[in-house]
Every structure is written in structure tokens, then in C-alpha cells.
Amino acid sequence: MNTIAKIVSLIALSAVIVPCLLYFGGTIDLATVKWTALAGTIGWFLATPMWMSRELPKDAAEVEI
């Protein structure tokens, strides 16, 4: 599961970066860049916390925030 989340996260990050570079090169139009970057951003924010989460300290259940 951790490896799959990392792969999805990398693909989503690529979906943000690659269209911007293609637009800079004049290959695709701005509307395509906006929608692809939006989808990549949403995908990245959904996938990345799955593998970047951290272990909470043992006494975290006793601390009230």
C-alpha cells in the first residue's frame, strides 16, 4: 500500500509539472494546463499523506489540544 501511494503521488506531481513545461514550450493550451494541474494537485494531496504520515508519540492519547 505504501509503495502504491508513492507511485500515485509521483504521477500526480508529474501531472502538475509536465503540463506547465509543455505550455511553456507552446505544445498545449492554457485550459488544458489548468485542468490537468488541478487534477494533479487534488491527486497529490490525497495520495501523499498516506505515505508521509508520521508515528505519534506514545503519550499523544493523553495530551489534550
C-alpha atoms as a PDB file:
ATOM      1  CA  MET A   1       0.000   0.000   0.000  1.00  0.00           C
ATOM      2  CA  ASN A   2       2.819   2.379   0.860  1.00  0.00           C
ATOM      3  CA  THR A   3       4.544   1.788  -2.474  1.00  0.00           C
ATOM      4  CA  ILE A   4       1.316   2.278  -4.423  1.00  0.00           C
ATOM      5  CA  ALA A   5       0.681   5.581  -2.628  1.00  0.00           C
ATOM      6  CA  LYS A   6       4.192   6.759  -3.509  1.00  0.00           C
ATOM      7  CA  ILE A   7       3.691   5.886  -7.175  1.00  0.00           C
ATOM      8  CA  VAL A   8       0.316   7.654  -7.304  1.00  0.00           C
ATOM      9  CA  SER A   9       1.873  10.653  -5.572  1.00  0.00           C
ATOM     10  CA  LEU A  10       4.692  10.794  -8.132  1.00  0.00           C
ATOM     11  CA  ILE A  11       2.258  10.519 -11.052  1.00  0.00           C
ATOM     12  CA  ALA A  12       0.101  13.280  -9.573  1.00  0.00           C
ATOM     13  CA  LEU A  13       3.117  15.531  -9.078  1.00  0.00           C
ATOM     14  CA  SER A  14       4.121  14.877 -12.677  1.00  0.00           C
ATOM     15  CA  ALA A  15       0.597  15.833 -13.743  1.00  0.00           C
ATOM     16  CA  VAL A  16       1.264  19.236 -12.208  1.00  0.00           C
ATOM     17  CA  ILE A  17       4.774  19.832 -13.544  1.00  0.00           C
ATOM     18  CA  VAL A  18       4.726  18.337 -17.061  1.00  0.00           C
ATOM     19  CA  PRO A  19       1.746  20.330 -18.442  1.00  0.00           C
ATOM     20  CA  CYS A  20       3.356  23.556 -17.235  1.00  0.00           C
ATOM     21  CA  LEU A  21       6.515  22.707 -19.140  1.00  0.00           C
ATOM     22  CA  LEU A  22       4.503  21.741 -22.220  1.00  0.00           C
ATOM     23  CA  TYR A  23       2.651  25.056 -22.078  1.00  0.00           C
ATOM     24  CA  PHE A  24       5.949  26.896 -21.760  1.00  0.00           C
ATOM     25  CA  GLY A  25       7.110  25.076 -24.877  1.00  0.00           C
ATOM     26  CA  GLY A  26       3.907  26.000 -26.727  1.00  0.00           C
ATOM     27  CA  THR A  27       2.619  22.444 -27.093  1.00  0.00           C
ATOM     28  CA  ILE A  28      -0.705  22.661 -25.203  1.00  0.00           C
ATOM     29  CA  ASP A  29      -3.155  25.430 -24.387  1.00  0.00           C
ATOM     30  CA  LEU A  30      -3.780  27.106 -21.042  1.00  0.00           C
ATOM     31  CA  ALA A  31      -7.156  25.486 -20.351  1.00  0.00           C
ATOM     32  CA  THR A  32      -5.600  22.016 -20.582  1.00  0.00           C
ATOM     33  CA  VAL A  33      -2.817  23.052 -18.209  1.00  0.00           C
ATOM     34  CA  LYS A  34      -5.299  24.377 -15.667  1.00  0.00           C
ATOM     35  CA  TRP A  35      -7.463  21.238 -15.605  1.00  0.00           C
ATOM     36  CA  THR A  36      -4.518  18.829 -15.588  1.00  0.00           C
ATOM     37  CA  ALA A  37      -2.732  20.761 -12.842  1.00  0.00           C
ATOM     38  CA  LEU A  38      -5.934  20.872 -10.779  1.00  0.00           C
ATOM     39  CA  ALA A  39      -6.412  17.117 -11.099  1.00  0.00           C
ATOM     40  CA  GLY A  40      -2.744  16.533 -10.254  1.00  0.00           C
ATOM     41  CA  THR A  41      -2.945  18.781  -7.202  1.00  0.00           C
ATOM     42  CA  ILE A  42      -6.025  17.009  -5.865  1.00  0.00           C
ATOM     43  CA  GLY A  43      -4.428  13.621  -6.505  1.00  0.00           C
ATOM     44  CA  TRP A  44      -1.208  14.668  -4.793  1.00  0.00           C
ATOM     45  CA  PHE A  45      -2.994  15.954  -1.696  1.00  0.00           C
ATOM     46  CA  LEU A  46      -4.971  12.703  -1.455  1.00  0.00           C
ATOM     47  CA  ALA A  47      -2.061  10.304  -2.031  1.00  0.00           C
ATOM     48  CA  THR A  48       0.864  11.921  -0.235  1.00  0.00           C
ATOM     49  CA  PRO A  49      -0.450  11.855   3.369  1.00  0.00           C
ATOM     50  CA  MET A  50      -0.877   8.084   3.062  1.00  0.00           C
ATOM     51  CA  TRP A  51       2.870   7.505   2.876  1.00  0.00           C
ATOM     52  CA  MET A  52       4.230  10.634   4.578  1.00  0.00           C
ATOM     53  CA  SER A  53       2.309  10.268   7.815  1.00  0.00           C
ATOM     54  CA  ARG A  54       4.329  10.044  10.983  1.00  0.00           C
ATOM     55  CA  GLU A  55       4.070   7.928  14.074  1.00  0.00           C
ATOM     56  CA  LEU A  56       2.566   9.744  17.036  1.00  0.00           C
ATOM     57  CA  PRO A  57       4.378   9.576  20.371  1.00  0.00           C
ATOM     58  CA  LYS A  58       3.058   7.052  22.891  1.00  0.00           C
ATOM     59  CA  ASP A  59       1.680   9.724  25.201  1.00  0.00           C
ATOM     60  CA  ALA A  60      -0.237  11.549  22.461  1.00  0.00           C
ATOM     61  CA  ALA A  61      -3.536   9.974  23.580  1.00  0.00           C
ATOM     62  CA  GLU A  62      -3.157  11.606  26.981  1.00  0.00           C
ATOM     63  CA  VAL A  63      -2.451  15.115  25.676  1.00  0.00           C
ATOM     64  CA  GLU A  64      -5.427  17.379  25.088  1.00  0.00           C
ATOM     65  CA  ILE A  65      -5.048  20.029  22.404  1.00  0.00           C
END
